[in-house]
PDB file of all heavy atoms in Angstrom:
ATOM      1  N   SER A   1     116.217 -10.928 152.510  1.00  0.00           N
ATOM      2  CA  SER A   1     116.986 -11.175 153.721  1.00  0.00           C
ATOM      3  C   SER A   1     118.312 -11.858 153.399  1.00  0.00           C
ATOM      4  O   SER A   1     118.571 -12.412 152.408  1.00  0.00           O
ATOM      5  CB  SER A   1     116.149 -12.285 154.658  1.00  0.00           C
ATOM      6  OG  SER A   1     116.339 -13.553 154.169  1.00  0.00           O
ATOM      7  N   PRO A   2     119.240 -11.935 154.498  1.00  0.00           N
ATOM      8  CA  PRO A   2     120.388 -12.724 154.272  1.00  0.00           C
ATOM      9  C   PRO A   2     120.101 -14.190 154.168  1.00  0.00           C
ATOM     10  O   PRO A   2     118.876 -14.626 154.512  1.00  0.00           O
ATOM     11  CB  PRO A   2     121.243 -12.481 155.550  1.00  0.00           C
ATOM     12  CG  PRO A   2     120.689 -11.110 156.198  1.00  0.00           C
ATOM     13  CD  PRO A   2     119.156 -11.223 155.711  1.00  0.00           C
ATOM     14  N   ALA A   3     120.989 -14.974 153.701  1.00  0.00           N
ATOM     15  CA  ALA A   3     120.718 -16.475 153.709  1.00  0.00           C
ATOM     16  C   ALA A   3     120.397 -17.025 155.034  1.00  0.00           C
ATOM     17  O   ALA A   3     121.131 -16.653 156.001  1.00  0.00           O
ATOM     18  CB  ALA A   3     121.948 -17.227 153.027  1.00  0.00           C
ATOM     19  N   LEU A   4     119.465 -17.865 155.184  1.00  0.00           N
ATOM     20  CA  LEU A   4     119.147 -18.412 156.454  1.00  0.00           C
ATOM     21  C   LEU A   4     120.170 -19.424 156.842  1.00  0.00           C
ATOM     22  O   LEU A   4     120.658 -20.261 156.104  1.00  0.00           O
ATOM     23  CB  LEU A   4     117.770 -19.123 156.373  1.00  0.00           C
ATOM     24  CG  LEU A   4     116.586 -18.182 156.129  1.00  0.00           C
ATOM     25  CD1 LEU A   4     115.261 -19.017 155.883  1.00  0.00           C
ATOM     26  CD2 LEU A   4     116.375 -17.212 157.123  1.00  0.00           C
ATOM     27  N   THR A   5     120.514 -19.441 158.058  1.00  0.00           N
ATOM     28  CA  THR A   5     121.538 -20.365 158.640  1.00  0.00           C
ATOM     29  C   THR A   5     120.835 -21.629 159.142  1.00  0.00           C
ATOM     30  O   THR A   5     121.544 -22.601 159.420  1.00  0.00           O
ATOM     31  CB  THR A   5     122.375 -19.770 159.807  1.00  0.00           C
ATOM     32  OG1 THR A   5     121.534 -19.323 160.786  1.00  0.00           O
ATOM     33  CG2 THR A   5     123.121 -18.456 159.258  1.00  0.00           C
ATOM     34  N   ALA A   6     119.506 -21.606 159.367  1.00  0.00           N
ATOM     35  CA  ALA A   6     118.793 -22.855 159.729  1.00  0.00           C
ATOM     36  C   ALA A   6     117.383 -22.667 159.130  1.00  0.00           C
ATOM     37  O   ALA A   6     116.861 -21.643 158.767  1.00  0.00           O
ATOM     38  CB  ALA A   6     118.684 -22.836 161.375  1.00  0.00           C
ATOM     39  N   PRO A   7     116.618 -23.853 159.083  1.00  0.00           N
ATOM     40  CA  PRO A   7     115.285 -23.685 158.540  1.00  0.00           C
ATOM     41  C   PRO A   7     114.438 -22.830 159.349  1.00  0.00           C
ATOM     42  O   PRO A   7     114.649 -22.631 160.560  1.00  0.00           O
ATOM     43  CB  PRO A   7     114.768 -25.176 158.609  1.00  0.00           C
ATOM     44  CG  PRO A   7     116.057 -25.990 158.641  1.00  0.00           C
ATOM     45  CD  PRO A   7     117.076 -25.248 159.379  1.00  0.00           C
ATOM     46  N   LEU A   8     113.531 -22.211 158.744  1.00  0.00           N
ATOM     47  CA  LEU A   8     112.590 -21.254 159.414  1.00  0.00           C
ATOM     48  C   LEU A   8     111.153 -21.808 159.135  1.00  0.00           C
ATOM     49  O   LEU A   8     110.615 -21.738 158.063  1.00  0.00           O
ATOM     50  CB  LEU A   8     112.741 -19.852 158.857  1.00  0.00           C
ATOM     51  CG  LEU A   8     112.087 -18.706 159.518  1.00  0.00           C
ATOM     52  CD1 LEU A   8     112.772 -18.488 160.916  1.00  0.00           C
ATOM     53  CD2 LEU A   8     112.171 -17.421 158.755  1.00  0.00           C
ATOM     54  N   HIS A   9     110.493 -22.272 160.265  1.00  0.00           N
ATOM     55  CA  HIS A   9     109.100 -22.771 160.129  1.00  0.00           C
ATOM     56  C   HIS A   9     108.190 -21.621 160.352  1.00  0.00           C
ATOM     57  O   HIS A   9     107.940 -21.171 161.499  1.00  0.00           O
ATOM     58  CB  HIS A   9     108.976 -23.908 161.125  1.00  0.00           C
ATOM     59  CG  HIS A   9     107.623 -24.516 161.165  1.00  0.00           C
ATOM     60  ND1 HIS A   9     107.344 -25.541 161.968  1.00  0.00           N
ATOM     61  CD2 HIS A   9     106.454 -24.277 160.466  1.00  0.00           C
ATOM     62  CE1 HIS A   9     106.033 -26.030 161.856  1.00  0.00           C
ATOM     63  NE2 HIS A   9     105.580 -25.142 160.940  1.00  0.00           N
ATOM     64  N   VAL A  10     107.449 -21.136 159.395  1.00  0.00           N
ATOM     65  CA  VAL A  10     106.511 -20.065 159.480  1.00  0.00           C
ATOM     66  C   VAL A  10     105.095 -20.605 159.462  1.00  0.00           C
ATOM     67  O   VAL A  10     104.765 -21.412 158.613  1.00  0.00           O
ATOM     68  CB  VAL A  10     106.699 -19.072 158.238  1.00  0.00           C
ATOM     69  CG1 VAL A  10     105.675 -18.037 158.251  1.00  0.00           C
ATOM     70  CG2 VAL A  10     108.198 -18.472 158.285  1.00  0.00           C
ATOM     71  N   CYS A  11     104.314 -20.141 160.376  1.00  0.00           N
ATOM     72  CA  CYS A  11     102.896 -20.554 160.395  1.00  0.00           C
ATOM     73  C   CYS A  11     101.930 -19.450 160.964  1.00  0.00           C
ATOM     74  O   CYS A  11     102.216 -19.172 162.199  1.00  0.00           O
ATOM     75  CB  CYS A  11     102.752 -21.941 161.144  1.00  0.00           C
ATOM     76  SG  CYS A  11     101.137 -22.538 161.191  1.00  0.00           S
ATOM     77  N   GLY A  12     101.087 -19.033 160.214  1.00  0.00           N
ATOM     78  CA  GLY A  12     100.199 -18.049 160.853  1.00  0.00           C
ATOM     79  C   GLY A  12     100.000 -16.852 159.913  1.00  0.00           C
ATOM     80  O   GLY A  12     100.512 -16.736 158.752  1.00  0.00           O
ATOM     81  N   PRO A  13      99.135 -15.846 160.219  1.00  0.00           N
ATOM     82  CA  PRO A  13      98.978 -14.684 159.389  1.00  0.00           C
ATOM     83  C   PRO A  13     100.241 -13.720 159.385  1.00  0.00           C
ATOM     84  O   PRO A  13     101.004 -13.641 160.459  1.00  0.00           O
ATOM     85  CB  PRO A  13      97.819 -13.889 160.024  1.00  0.00           C
ATOM     86  CG  PRO A  13      97.803 -14.356 161.475  1.00  0.00           C
ATOM     87  CD  PRO A  13      98.329 -15.808 161.508  1.00  0.00           C
ATOM     88  N   ILE A  14     100.412 -13.028 158.401  1.00  0.00           N
ATOM     89  CA  ILE A  14     101.660 -12.109 158.241  1.00  0.00           C
ATOM     90  C   ILE A  14     101.177 -10.684 157.950  1.00  0.00           C
ATOM     91  O   ILE A  14     100.079 -10.508 157.464  1.00  0.00           O
ATOM     92  CB  ILE A  14     102.492 -12.677 157.073  1.00  0.00           C
ATOM     93  CG1 ILE A  14     103.015 -14.089 157.313  1.00  0.00           C
ATOM     94  CG2 ILE A  14     103.640 -11.672 156.729  1.00  0.00           C
ATOM     95  CD1 ILE A  14     103.622 -14.859 156.139  1.00  0.00           C
ATOM     96  N   LYS A  15     101.928  -9.727 158.475  1.00  0.00           N
ATOM     97  CA  LYS A  15     101.519  -8.309 158.265  1.00  0.00           C
ATOM     98  C   LYS A  15     102.765  -7.537 157.829  1.00  0.00           C
ATOM     99  O   LYS A  15     103.974  -7.733 158.307  1.00  0.00           O
ATOM    100  CB  LYS A  15     101.093  -7.782 159.591  1.00  0.00           C
ATOM    101  CG  LYS A  15     100.638  -6.295 159.378  1.00  0.00           C
ATOM    102  CD  LYS A  15      99.937  -5.721 160.600  1.00  0.00           C
ATOM    103  CE  LYS A  15     100.810  -5.314 161.729  1.00  0.00           C
ATOM    104  NZ  LYS A  15     100.244  -4.584 162.814  1.00  0.00           N
ATOM    105  N   LEU A  16     102.537  -6.713 156.873  1.00  0.00           N
ATOM    106  CA  LEU A  16     103.524  -5.786 156.412  1.00  0.00           C
ATOM    107  C   LEU A  16     103.081  -4.276 156.835  1.00  0.00           C
ATOM    108  O   LEU A  16     101.968  -3.907 156.494  1.00  0.00           O
ATOM    109  CB  LEU A  16     103.625  -5.729 154.876  1.00  0.00           C
ATOM    110  CG  LEU A  16     104.601  -4.674 154.240  1.00  0.00           C
ATOM    111  CD1 LEU A  16     106.034  -4.898 154.679  1.00  0.00           C
ATOM    112  CD2 LEU A  16     104.500  -4.729 152.627  1.00  0.00           C
ATOM    113  N   VAL A  17     103.863  -3.658 157.584  1.00  0.00           N
ATOM    114  CA  VAL A  17     103.695  -2.245 157.889  1.00  0.00           C
ATOM    115  C   VAL A  17     104.566  -1.472 156.914  1.00  0.00           C
ATOM    116  O   VAL A  17     105.818  -1.662 156.868  1.00  0.00           O
ATOM    117  CB  VAL A  17     104.129  -1.943 159.413  1.00  0.00           C
ATOM    118  CG1 VAL A  17     104.073  -0.400 159.676  1.00  0.00           C
ATOM    119  CG2 VAL A  17     103.203  -2.545 160.344  1.00  0.00           C
ATOM    120  N   LEU A  18     103.848  -0.684 156.143  1.00  0.00           N
ATOM    121  CA  LEU A  18     104.601  -0.044 155.035  1.00  0.00           C
ATOM    122  C   LEU A  18     104.381   1.485 155.154  1.00  0.00           C
ATOM    123  O   LEU A  18     103.180   1.930 155.109  1.00  0.00           O
ATOM    124  CB  LEU A  18     104.095  -0.522 153.768  1.00  0.00           C
ATOM    125  CG  LEU A  18     104.758   0.002 152.484  1.00  0.00           C
ATOM    126  CD1 LEU A  18     106.222  -0.455 152.386  1.00  0.00           C
ATOM    127  CD2 LEU A  18     104.092  -0.521 151.197  1.00  0.00           C
ATOM    128  N   TYR A  19     105.429   2.245 155.248  1.00  0.00           N
ATOM    129  CA  TYR A  19     105.239   3.699 155.228  1.00  0.00           C
ATOM    130  C   TYR A  19     105.442   4.147 153.699  1.00  0.00           C
ATOM    131  O   TYR A  19     106.561   3.864 153.130  1.00  0.00           O
ATOM    132  CB  TYR A  19     106.273   4.346 156.044  1.00  0.00           C
ATOM    133  CG  TYR A  19     105.997   4.276 157.571  1.00  0.00           C
ATOM    134  CD1 TYR A  19     106.434   3.067 158.160  1.00  0.00           C
ATOM    135  CD2 TYR A  19     105.334   5.257 158.210  1.00  0.00           C
ATOM    136  CE1 TYR A  19     106.200   2.938 159.580  1.00  0.00           C
ATOM    137  CE2 TYR A  19     105.140   5.093 159.547  1.00  0.00           C
ATOM    138  CZ  TYR A  19     105.525   3.873 160.212  1.00  0.00           C
ATOM    139  OH  TYR A  19     105.235   3.771 161.600  1.00  0.00           O
ATOM    140  N   ALA A  20     104.446   4.831 153.146  1.00  0.00           N
ATOM    141  CA  ALA A  20     104.526   5.100 151.675  1.00  0.00           C
ATOM    142  C   ALA A  20     103.800   6.395 151.428  1.00  0.00           C
ATOM    143  O   ALA A  20     102.985   6.882 152.079  1.00  0.00           O
ATOM    144  CB  ALA A  20     103.853   3.973 150.855  1.00  0.00           C
ATOM    145  N   ALA A  21     104.319   6.890 150.172  1.00  0.00           N
ATOM    146  CA  ALA A  21     103.686   8.209 149.692  1.00  0.00           C
ATOM    147  C   ALA A  21     103.608   7.954 148.205  1.00  0.00           C
ATOM    148  O   ALA A  21     104.393   7.253 147.574  1.00  0.00           O
ATOM    149  CB  ALA A  21     104.550   9.446 150.010  1.00  0.00           C
ATOM    150  N   SER A  22     102.526   8.560 147.662  1.00  0.00           N
ATOM    151  CA  SER A  22     102.240   8.483 146.215  1.00  0.00           C
ATOM    152  C   SER A  22     102.095   9.864 145.554  1.00  0.00           C
ATOM    153  O   SER A  22     101.724  10.894 146.215  1.00  0.00           O
ATOM    154  CB  SER A  22     101.138   7.713 145.978  1.00  0.00           C
ATOM    155  OG  SER A  22     100.705   7.503 144.610  1.00  0.00           O
ATOM    156  N   SER A  23     102.396   9.979 144.264  1.00  0.00           N
ATOM    157  CA  SER A  23     102.204  11.277 143.568  1.00  0.00           C
ATOM    158  C   SER A  23     100.671  11.461 143.291  1.00  0.00           C
ATOM    159  O   SER A  23     100.343  12.557 143.003  1.00  0.00           O
ATOM    160  CB  SER A  23     102.972  11.185 142.250  1.00  0.00           C
ATOM    161  OG  SER A  23     102.494  10.126 141.460  1.00  0.00           O
ATOM    162  N   GLY A  24      99.954  10.414 143.446  1.00  0.00           N
ATOM    163  CA  GLY A  24      98.499  10.551 143.086  1.00  0.00           C
ATOM    164  C   GLY A  24      97.642  10.446 144.369  1.00  0.00           C
ATOM    165  O   GLY A  24      98.072  10.479 145.446  1.00  0.00           O
ATOM    166  N   THR A  25      96.289  10.434 144.190  1.00  0.00           N
ATOM    167  CA  THR A  25      95.270  10.382 145.287  1.00  0.00           C
ATOM    168  C   THR A  25      95.029   8.999 145.618  1.00  0.00           C
ATOM    169  O   THR A  25      94.142   8.682 146.611  1.00  0.00           O
ATOM    170  CB  THR A  25      94.160  11.161 144.863  1.00  0.00           C
ATOM    171  OG1 THR A  25      93.452  10.630 143.736  1.00  0.00           O
ATOM    172  CG2 THR A  25      94.381  12.513 144.715  1.00  0.00           C
ATOM    173  N   ASP A  26      95.525   7.959 144.908  1.00  0.00           N
ATOM    174  CA  ASP A  26      95.293   6.566 145.238  1.00  0.00           C
ATOM    175  C   ASP A  26      96.392   5.780 144.545  1.00  0.00           C
ATOM    176  O   ASP A  26      97.091   6.208 143.629  1.00  0.00           O
ATOM    177  CB  ASP A  26      93.969   6.130 144.673  1.00  0.00           C
ATOM    178  CG  ASP A  26      93.359   4.960 145.489  1.00  0.00           C
ATOM    179  OD1 ASP A  26      94.047   4.517 146.486  1.00  0.00           O
ATOM    180  OD2 ASP A  26      92.302   4.513 145.268  1.00  0.00           O
ATOM    181  N   THR A  27      96.658   4.633 145.140  1.00  0.00           N
ATOM    182  CA  THR A  27      97.630   3.686 144.547  1.00  0.00           C
ATOM    183  C   THR A  27      97.377   2.258 145.062  1.00  0.00           C
ATOM    184  O   THR A  27      96.588   2.134 145.936  1.00  0.00           O
ATOM    185  CB  THR A  27      99.084   4.119 144.877  1.00  0.00           C
ATOM    186  OG1 THR A  27     100.001   3.340 144.121  1.00  0.00           O
ATOM    187  CG2 THR A  27      99.301   3.978 146.442  1.00  0.00           C
ATOM    188  N   ASP A  28      97.945   1.289 144.415  1.00  0.00           N
ATOM    189  CA  ASP A  28      97.870  -0.075 144.845  1.00  0.00           C
ATOM    190  C   ASP A  28      99.053  -0.683 145.368  1.00  0.00           C
ATOM    191  O   ASP A  28     100.185  -0.363 144.767  1.00  0.00           O
ATOM    192  CB  ASP A  28      97.309  -0.977 143.618  1.00  0.00           C
ATOM    193  CG  ASP A  28      95.843  -0.573 143.302  1.00  0.00           C
ATOM    194  OD1 ASP A  28      95.198   0.081 144.013  1.00  0.00           O
ATOM    195  OD2 ASP A  28      95.484  -0.928 142.067  1.00  0.00           O
ATOM    196  N   PHE A  29      98.844  -1.631 146.229  1.00  0.00           N
ATOM    197  CA  PHE A  29     100.094  -2.326 146.811  1.00  0.00           C
ATOM    198  C   PHE A  29      99.816  -3.816 146.520  1.00  0.00           C
ATOM    199  O   PHE A  29      98.842  -4.284 147.168  1.00  0.00           O
ATOM    200  CB  PHE A  29     100.442  -2.193 148.241  1.00  0.00           C
ATOM    201  CG  PHE A  29     100.545  -0.630 148.571  1.00  0.00           C
ATOM    202  CD1 PHE A  29      99.493   0.073 149.346  1.00  0.00           C
ATOM    203  CD2 PHE A  29     101.685   0.076 148.079  1.00  0.00           C
ATOM    204  CE1 PHE A  29      99.663   1.301 149.589  1.00  0.00           C
ATOM    205  CE2 PHE A  29     101.781   1.465 148.431  1.00  0.00           C
ATOM    206  CZ  PHE A  29     100.772   2.059 149.232  1.00  0.00           C
ATOM    207  N   ILE A  30     100.580  -4.491 145.699  1.00  0.00           N
ATOM    208  CA  ILE A  30     100.477  -5.994 145.620  1.00  0.00           C
ATOM    209  C   ILE A  30     101.681  -6.598 146.050  1.00  0.00           C
ATOM    210  O   ILE A  30     102.846  -6.303 145.493  1.00  0.00           O
ATOM    211  CB  ILE A  30     100.039  -6.408 144.169  1.00  0.00           C
ATOM    212  CG1 ILE A  30      98.756  -5.789 143.795  1.00  0.00           C
ATOM    213  CG2 ILE A  30     100.148  -7.898 143.977  1.00  0.00           C
ATOM    214  CD1 ILE A  30      98.276  -6.216 142.346  1.00  0.00           C
ATOM    215  N   VAL A  31     101.750  -7.238 147.169  1.00  0.00           N
ATOM    216  CA  VAL A  31     102.994  -7.744 147.781  1.00  0.00           C
ATOM    217  C   VAL A  31     103.047  -9.280 147.767  1.00  0.00           C
ATOM    218  O   VAL A  31     101.977  -9.938 147.821  1.00  0.00           O
ATOM    219  CB  VAL A  31     103.195  -7.210 149.247  1.00  0.00           C
ATOM    220  CG1 VAL A  31     103.054  -5.694 149.161  1.00  0.00           C
ATOM    221  CG2 VAL A  31     102.118  -7.734 150.141  1.00  0.00           C
ATOM    222  N   LYS A  32     104.181  -9.755 147.566  1.00  0.00           N
ATOM    223  CA  LYS A  32     104.503 -11.305 147.706  1.00  0.00           C
ATOM    224  C   LYS A  32     105.557 -11.562 148.605  1.00  0.00           C
ATOM    225  O   LYS A  32     106.606 -10.834 148.595  1.00  0.00           O
ATOM    226  CB  LYS A  32     104.691 -11.738 146.291  1.00  0.00           C
ATOM    227  CG  LYS A  32     103.501 -11.554 145.313  1.00  0.00           C
ATOM    228  CD  LYS A  32     103.946 -12.046 143.790  1.00  0.00           C
ATOM    229  CE  LYS A  32     102.904 -11.559 142.851  1.00  0.00           C
ATOM    230  NZ  LYS A  32     103.199 -11.967 141.549  1.00  0.00           N
ATOM    231  N   LEU A  33     105.423 -12.671 149.344  1.00  0.00           N
ATOM    232  CA  LEU A  33     106.522 -13.171 150.144  1.00  0.00           C
ATOM    233  C   LEU A  33     107.035 -14.452 149.362  1.00  0.00           C
ATOM    234  O   LEU A  33     106.232 -15.368 149.169  1.00  0.00           O
ATOM    235  CB  LEU A  33     106.144 -13.555 151.554  1.00  0.00           C
ATOM    236  CG  LEU A  33     107.212 -14.232 152.384  1.00  0.00           C
ATOM    237  CD1 LEU A  33     108.346 -13.212 152.623  1.00  0.00           C
ATOM    238  CD2 LEU A  33     106.630 -14.593 153.781  1.00  0.00           C
ATOM    239  N   SER A  34     108.328 -14.499 149.020  1.00  0.00           N
ATOM    240  CA  SER A  34     108.869 -15.586 148.209  1.00  0.00           C
ATOM    241  C   SER A  34     109.970 -16.234 149.046  1.00  0.00           C
ATOM    242  O   SER A  34     110.702 -15.632 149.799  1.00  0.00           O
ATOM    243  CB  SER A  34     109.291 -15.171 146.909  1.00  0.00           C
ATOM    244  OG  SER A  34     108.115 -14.741 146.049  1.00  0.00           O
ATOM    245  N   GLU A  35     110.206 -17.539 148.661  1.00  0.00           N
ATOM    246  CA  GLU A  35     111.512 -18.102 149.139  1.00  0.00           C
ATOM    247  C   GLU A  35     112.480 -18.107 147.904  1.00  0.00           C
ATOM    248  O   GLU A  35     112.153 -18.575 146.840  1.00  0.00           O
ATOM    249  CB  GLU A  35     111.339 -19.565 149.561  1.00  0.00           C
ATOM    250  CG  GLU A  35     112.549 -20.250 149.923  1.00  0.00           C
ATOM    251  CD  GLU A  35     112.413 -21.644 150.503  1.00  0.00           C
ATOM    252  OE1 GLU A  35     111.272 -22.170 150.508  1.00  0.00           O
ATOM    253  OE2 GLU A  35     113.429 -22.292 151.018  1.00  0.00           O
TER     254      GLU A  35
END
């Protein structure tokens, strides 16, 4: 993201909606949210 202009208080479950395609019949997604 762009630099935050104010503190951001996050609390609760988070969801990523990801549209993806793979060259194989299966794949893994390991995602991290960092500051």
